[in-house]
N, C-alpha and C. Protein backbone atom coordinates (compact mmCIF):
# COMPACT_ATOMS: atom_id res chain seq x y z
N UNK A 1 2.03 -7.96 2.69
CA UNK A 1 2.10 -6.66 2.06
C UNK A 1 1.44 -6.68 0.69
N UNK A 2 1.42 -7.83 0.01
CA UNK A 2 0.86 -7.91 -1.34
C UNK A 2 -0.63 -7.57 -1.37
N UNK A 3 -1.34 -7.78 -0.25
CA UNK A 3 -2.75 -7.53 -0.27
C UNK A 3 -3.09 -6.02 -0.17
N UNK A 4 -2.13 -5.20 0.20
CA UNK A 4 -2.34 -3.76 0.27
C UNK A 4 -2.12 -3.22 -1.15
N UNK A 5 -3.11 -2.57 -1.73
CA UNK A 5 -2.96 -2.09 -3.11
C UNK A 5 -1.91 -1.01 -3.25
N UNK A 6 -1.13 -1.11 -4.30
CA UNK A 6 -0.18 -0.05 -4.70
C UNK A 6 -0.96 0.91 -5.59
N UNK A 7 -1.06 2.15 -5.18
CA UNK A 7 -1.89 3.14 -5.85
C UNK A 7 -1.00 4.22 -6.45
N UNK A 8 -1.37 4.66 -7.65
CA UNK A 8 -0.71 5.84 -8.24
C UNK A 8 -1.62 7.01 -7.98
N UNK A 9 -1.05 8.13 -7.50
CA UNK A 9 -1.82 9.29 -7.11
C UNK A 9 -1.15 10.54 -7.60
N UNK A 10 -1.91 11.59 -7.78
CA UNK A 10 -1.40 12.91 -8.15
C UNK A 10 -1.91 13.93 -7.12
N UNK A 11 -0.97 14.68 -6.57
CA UNK A 11 -1.33 15.72 -5.61
C UNK A 11 -0.57 16.99 -5.98
N UNK A 12 -1.28 18.06 -6.24
CA UNK A 12 -0.67 19.34 -6.60
C UNK A 12 0.34 19.18 -7.72
N UNK A 13 0.02 18.41 -8.73
CA UNK A 13 0.89 18.25 -9.87
C UNK A 13 2.06 17.32 -9.66
N UNK A 14 2.14 16.68 -8.50
CA UNK A 14 3.23 15.72 -8.23
C UNK A 14 2.63 14.31 -8.28
N UNK A 15 3.46 13.36 -8.77
CA UNK A 15 3.02 11.99 -8.96
C UNK A 15 3.61 11.10 -7.85
N UNK A 16 2.79 10.17 -7.36
CA UNK A 16 3.23 9.30 -6.28
C UNK A 16 2.75 7.86 -6.50
N UNK A 17 3.58 6.92 -6.09
CA UNK A 17 3.15 5.54 -5.82
C UNK A 17 2.93 5.50 -4.30
N UNK A 18 1.82 4.92 -3.86
CA UNK A 18 1.51 4.93 -2.44
C UNK A 18 0.98 3.60 -1.92
N UNK A 19 1.29 3.33 -0.70
CA UNK A 19 0.65 2.25 0.08
C UNK A 19 -0.01 2.94 1.29
N UNK A 20 -1.26 2.62 1.53
CA UNK A 20 -1.98 3.13 2.70
C UNK A 20 -2.13 1.98 3.69
N UNK A 21 -1.53 2.10 4.85
CA UNK A 21 -1.57 1.06 5.88
C UNK A 21 -2.20 1.65 7.11
N UNK A 22 -3.44 1.27 7.37
CA UNK A 22 -4.24 1.88 8.45
C UNK A 22 -4.24 3.39 8.23
N UNK A 23 -3.75 4.17 9.16
CA UNK A 23 -3.70 5.62 8.99
C UNK A 23 -2.32 6.11 8.56
N UNK A 24 -1.47 5.21 8.11
CA UNK A 24 -0.11 5.54 7.73
C UNK A 24 0.06 5.45 6.21
N UNK A 25 0.99 6.21 5.70
CA UNK A 25 1.22 6.19 4.26
C UNK A 25 2.72 6.00 3.98
N UNK A 26 2.96 5.19 2.98
CA UNK A 26 4.33 5.04 2.44
C UNK A 26 4.24 5.50 0.98
N UNK A 27 5.22 6.28 0.53
CA UNK A 27 5.13 6.79 -0.83
C UNK A 27 6.49 6.89 -1.50
N UNK A 28 6.43 6.91 -2.82
CA UNK A 28 7.58 7.25 -3.67
C UNK A 28 7.09 8.31 -4.65
N UNK A 29 7.74 9.45 -4.64
CA UNK A 29 7.41 10.51 -5.61
C UNK A 29 8.20 10.25 -6.89
N UNK A 30 7.55 10.44 -8.02
CA UNK A 30 8.23 10.22 -9.29
C UNK A 30 7.82 11.27 -10.31
N UNK A 31 8.57 11.34 -11.37
CA UNK A 31 8.28 12.24 -12.49
C UNK A 31 8.54 11.48 -13.78
N UNK A 32 7.61 11.57 -14.70
CA UNK A 32 7.81 10.94 -16.01
C UNK A 32 8.62 11.89 -16.87
N UNK A 33 9.85 11.52 -17.18
CA UNK A 33 10.78 12.39 -17.89
C UNK A 33 10.59 12.28 -19.40
N UNK A 34 10.36 11.06 -19.89
CA UNK A 34 10.16 10.84 -21.33
C UNK A 34 9.35 9.56 -21.49
N UNK A 35 9.18 9.13 -22.73
CA UNK A 35 8.38 7.91 -23.01
C UNK A 35 8.93 6.67 -22.38
N UNK A 36 10.18 6.66 -21.99
CA UNK A 36 10.78 5.47 -21.40
C UNK A 36 11.69 5.74 -20.23
N UNK A 37 11.53 6.89 -19.59
CA UNK A 37 12.42 7.26 -18.49
C UNK A 37 11.63 7.87 -17.35
N UNK A 38 11.79 7.30 -16.15
CA UNK A 38 11.16 7.82 -14.94
C UNK A 38 12.24 8.33 -14.00
N UNK A 39 11.94 9.44 -13.35
CA UNK A 39 12.81 9.95 -12.28
C UNK A 39 12.14 9.59 -10.96
N UNK A 40 12.84 8.87 -10.11
CA UNK A 40 12.35 8.59 -8.76
C UNK A 40 12.97 9.63 -7.85
N UNK A 41 12.14 10.47 -7.27
CA UNK A 41 12.63 11.67 -6.61
C UNK A 41 12.85 11.46 -5.11
N UNK A 42 11.87 10.90 -4.44
CA UNK A 42 11.99 10.71 -2.99
C UNK A 42 11.07 9.61 -2.54
N UNK A 43 11.30 9.17 -1.32
CA UNK A 43 10.41 8.17 -0.71
C UNK A 43 10.20 8.53 0.75
N UNK A 44 9.13 8.02 1.31
CA UNK A 44 8.88 8.31 2.73
C UNK A 44 7.92 7.29 3.30
N UNK A 45 8.11 7.05 4.60
CA UNK A 45 7.23 6.17 5.35
C UNK A 45 7.04 6.82 6.69
N UNK A 46 5.84 6.80 7.21
CA UNK A 46 5.56 7.33 8.53
C UNK A 46 6.46 6.60 9.53
N UNK A 47 7.28 7.34 10.27
CA UNK A 47 8.25 6.73 11.16
C UNK A 47 7.64 5.90 12.27
N UNK A 48 6.45 6.28 12.75
CA UNK A 48 5.88 5.51 13.85
C UNK A 48 5.10 4.28 13.37
N UNK A 49 5.15 4.01 12.08
CA UNK A 49 4.58 2.80 11.53
C UNK A 49 5.43 1.60 11.95
N UNK A 50 4.84 0.60 12.57
CA UNK A 50 5.64 -0.58 12.94
C UNK A 50 6.33 -1.15 11.71
N UNK A 51 7.57 -1.52 11.87
CA UNK A 51 8.38 -2.13 10.77
C UNK A 51 8.50 -1.20 9.57
N UNK A 52 8.64 0.10 9.80
CA UNK A 52 8.65 1.06 8.69
C UNK A 52 9.77 0.79 7.69
N UNK A 53 10.89 0.25 8.12
CA UNK A 53 11.97 -0.08 7.18
C UNK A 53 11.55 -1.22 6.25
N UNK A 54 10.88 -2.20 6.75
CA UNK A 54 10.40 -3.31 5.94
C UNK A 54 9.30 -2.85 4.99
N UNK A 55 8.44 -1.94 5.45
CA UNK A 55 7.40 -1.39 4.57
C UNK A 55 8.03 -0.61 3.44
N UNK A 56 9.05 0.20 3.77
CA UNK A 56 9.73 0.98 2.74
C UNK A 56 10.37 0.07 1.70
N UNK A 57 11.04 -0.97 2.13
CA UNK A 57 11.66 -1.90 1.19
C UNK A 57 10.62 -2.62 0.33
N UNK A 58 9.51 -3.02 0.93
CA UNK A 58 8.45 -3.67 0.20
C UNK A 58 7.84 -2.72 -0.85
N UNK A 59 7.67 -1.47 -0.49
CA UNK A 59 7.15 -0.47 -1.43
C UNK A 59 8.12 -0.29 -2.58
N UNK A 60 9.39 -0.13 -2.30
CA UNK A 60 10.41 0.05 -3.34
C UNK A 60 10.40 -1.15 -4.30
N UNK A 61 10.37 -2.34 -3.75
CA UNK A 61 10.37 -3.54 -4.57
C UNK A 61 9.13 -3.59 -5.48
N UNK A 62 7.97 -3.30 -4.92
CA UNK A 62 6.73 -3.34 -5.74
C UNK A 62 6.75 -2.27 -6.81
N UNK A 63 7.26 -1.09 -6.50
CA UNK A 63 7.32 -0.01 -7.50
C UNK A 63 8.30 -0.40 -8.61
N UNK A 64 9.48 -0.87 -8.23
CA UNK A 64 10.45 -1.27 -9.27
C UNK A 64 9.93 -2.41 -10.13
N UNK A 65 9.23 -3.35 -9.53
CA UNK A 65 8.62 -4.43 -10.31
C UNK A 65 7.61 -3.90 -11.30
N UNK A 66 6.80 -2.96 -10.85
CA UNK A 66 5.79 -2.36 -11.74
C UNK A 66 6.47 -1.59 -12.87
N UNK A 67 7.48 -0.83 -12.53
CA UNK A 67 8.19 -0.07 -13.57
C UNK A 67 8.87 -1.02 -14.58
N UNK A 68 9.43 -2.09 -14.10
CA UNK A 68 10.09 -3.07 -14.97
C UNK A 68 9.10 -3.62 -16.03
N UNK A 69 7.88 -3.86 -15.61
CA UNK A 69 6.87 -4.37 -16.55
C UNK A 69 6.52 -3.35 -17.65
N UNK A 70 6.77 -2.07 -17.42
CA UNK A 70 6.51 -1.04 -18.42
C UNK A 70 7.71 -0.78 -19.32
N UNK A 71 8.85 -1.42 -19.03
CA UNK A 71 10.09 -1.23 -19.78
C UNK A 71 10.68 0.16 -19.63
N UNK A 72 10.30 0.90 -18.60
CA UNK A 72 10.93 2.19 -18.32
C UNK A 72 12.30 1.98 -17.75
N UNK A 73 13.18 2.91 -17.96
CA UNK A 73 14.46 3.00 -17.27
C UNK A 73 14.28 4.03 -16.17
N UNK A 74 15.20 4.06 -15.21
CA UNK A 74 15.05 4.85 -14.01
C UNK A 74 16.29 5.68 -13.71
N UNK A 75 16.08 6.91 -13.35
CA UNK A 75 17.10 7.73 -12.68
C UNK A 75 16.59 7.93 -11.28
N UNK A 76 17.38 7.58 -10.30
CA UNK A 76 16.94 7.69 -8.90
C UNK A 76 17.75 8.78 -8.19
N UNK A 77 17.01 9.69 -7.57
CA UNK A 77 17.60 10.73 -6.72
C UNK A 77 17.38 10.42 -5.25
N UNK A 78 16.83 9.24 -4.96
CA UNK A 78 16.42 8.88 -3.58
C UNK A 78 17.45 7.95 -2.96
N UNK A 79 18.08 8.37 -1.86
CA UNK A 79 19.08 7.52 -1.21
C UNK A 79 18.52 6.16 -0.76
N UNK A 80 17.28 6.10 -0.33
CA UNK A 80 16.72 4.82 0.12
C UNK A 80 16.55 3.86 -1.05
N UNK A 81 16.11 4.38 -2.19
CA UNK A 81 15.97 3.55 -3.38
C UNK A 81 17.35 3.08 -3.86
N UNK A 82 18.30 3.99 -3.87
CA UNK A 82 19.67 3.63 -4.31
C UNK A 82 20.27 2.56 -3.42
N UNK A 83 20.07 2.68 -2.13
CA UNK A 83 20.58 1.68 -1.18
C UNK A 83 19.91 0.33 -1.44
N UNK A 84 18.58 0.34 -1.68
CA UNK A 84 17.85 -0.88 -1.97
C UNK A 84 18.38 -1.54 -3.23
N UNK A 85 18.58 -0.78 -4.28
CA UNK A 85 19.06 -1.31 -5.56
C UNK A 85 20.47 -1.86 -5.38
N UNK A 86 21.32 -1.20 -4.64
CA UNK A 86 22.67 -1.72 -4.40
C UNK A 86 22.65 -3.08 -3.70
N UNK A 87 21.63 -3.32 -2.86
CA UNK A 87 21.52 -4.60 -2.15
C UNK A 87 20.81 -5.65 -2.97
N UNK A 88 20.04 -5.22 -3.98
CA UNK A 88 19.21 -6.14 -4.78
C UNK A 88 19.61 -6.02 -6.24
N UNK A 89 20.62 -6.76 -6.61
CA UNK A 89 21.25 -6.62 -7.92
C UNK A 89 20.32 -6.83 -9.10
N UNK A 90 19.21 -7.55 -8.91
CA UNK A 90 18.29 -7.81 -10.00
C UNK A 90 17.66 -6.55 -10.55
N UNK A 91 17.75 -5.44 -9.84
CA UNK A 91 17.17 -4.16 -10.30
C UNK A 91 18.20 -3.23 -10.95
N UNK A 92 19.45 -3.59 -10.85
CA UNK A 92 20.49 -2.67 -11.35
C UNK A 92 20.37 -2.37 -12.85
N UNK A 93 19.92 -3.31 -13.63
CA UNK A 93 19.82 -3.06 -15.09
C UNK A 93 18.74 -2.05 -15.43
N UNK A 94 17.86 -1.72 -14.52
CA UNK A 94 16.81 -0.71 -14.74
C UNK A 94 17.33 0.70 -14.49
N UNK A 95 18.34 0.81 -13.66
CA UNK A 95 18.81 2.11 -13.17
C UNK A 95 19.90 2.61 -14.11
N UNK A 96 19.62 3.71 -14.82
CA UNK A 96 20.67 4.23 -15.70
C UNK A 96 21.52 5.27 -14.98
N UNK A 97 21.00 5.77 -13.86
CA UNK A 97 21.77 6.71 -13.06
C UNK A 97 21.15 6.80 -11.69
N UNK A 98 22.01 6.90 -10.67
CA UNK A 98 21.48 7.21 -9.33
C UNK A 98 22.35 8.31 -8.75
N UNK A 99 21.69 9.38 -8.41
CA UNK A 99 22.39 10.58 -7.99
C UNK A 99 21.67 11.22 -6.80
N UNK A 100 22.36 12.08 -6.15
CA UNK A 100 21.73 12.92 -5.15
C UNK A 100 21.34 14.23 -5.80
N UNK A 101 20.25 14.81 -5.35
CA UNK A 101 19.81 16.07 -5.95
C UNK A 101 20.85 17.14 -5.92
N UNK A 102 21.69 17.18 -4.85
CA UNK A 102 22.73 18.20 -4.77
C UNK A 102 23.73 18.10 -5.89
N UNK A 103 23.91 16.89 -6.44
CA UNK A 103 24.86 16.74 -7.55
C UNK A 103 24.31 17.29 -8.85
N UNK A 104 23.00 17.36 -8.95
CA UNK A 104 22.35 17.77 -10.21
C UNK A 104 22.16 19.28 -10.25
N UNK A 105 21.83 19.92 -9.13
CA UNK A 105 21.52 21.36 -9.12
C UNK A 105 22.73 22.23 -9.24
C-alpha cells in the first residue's frame, strides 16, 4: 500500500485525502478548522474493491500519520476513523474529540 501515493485533492470546495487503486478510490474528506485543528468528516472505499476494509484502515493510518507530522489536532465525525483510533491507541493523543454529526447539529 505504501507505493500508492496519498494525494490531497479539492473537489467543489471540499478537501480530500485519496488513494487511487486501479479504477477504485478510497478517500477521507476533511476541513481545516484553524491553524492547528482538522475536522475529519467522512471516509469511503469502493465496496467492490478487494480487501476494502484493509484499504480503508491503511488509508486512515497514512492520513493520521501525515496529520501527526503537521502537529494538527483532530476532531473526527467519521465512525470508521473513530473505530480505527479506538483500536490503535497510538493515535488517541491526536484526537481531541470524536463525535457523530447528529450530535453536533
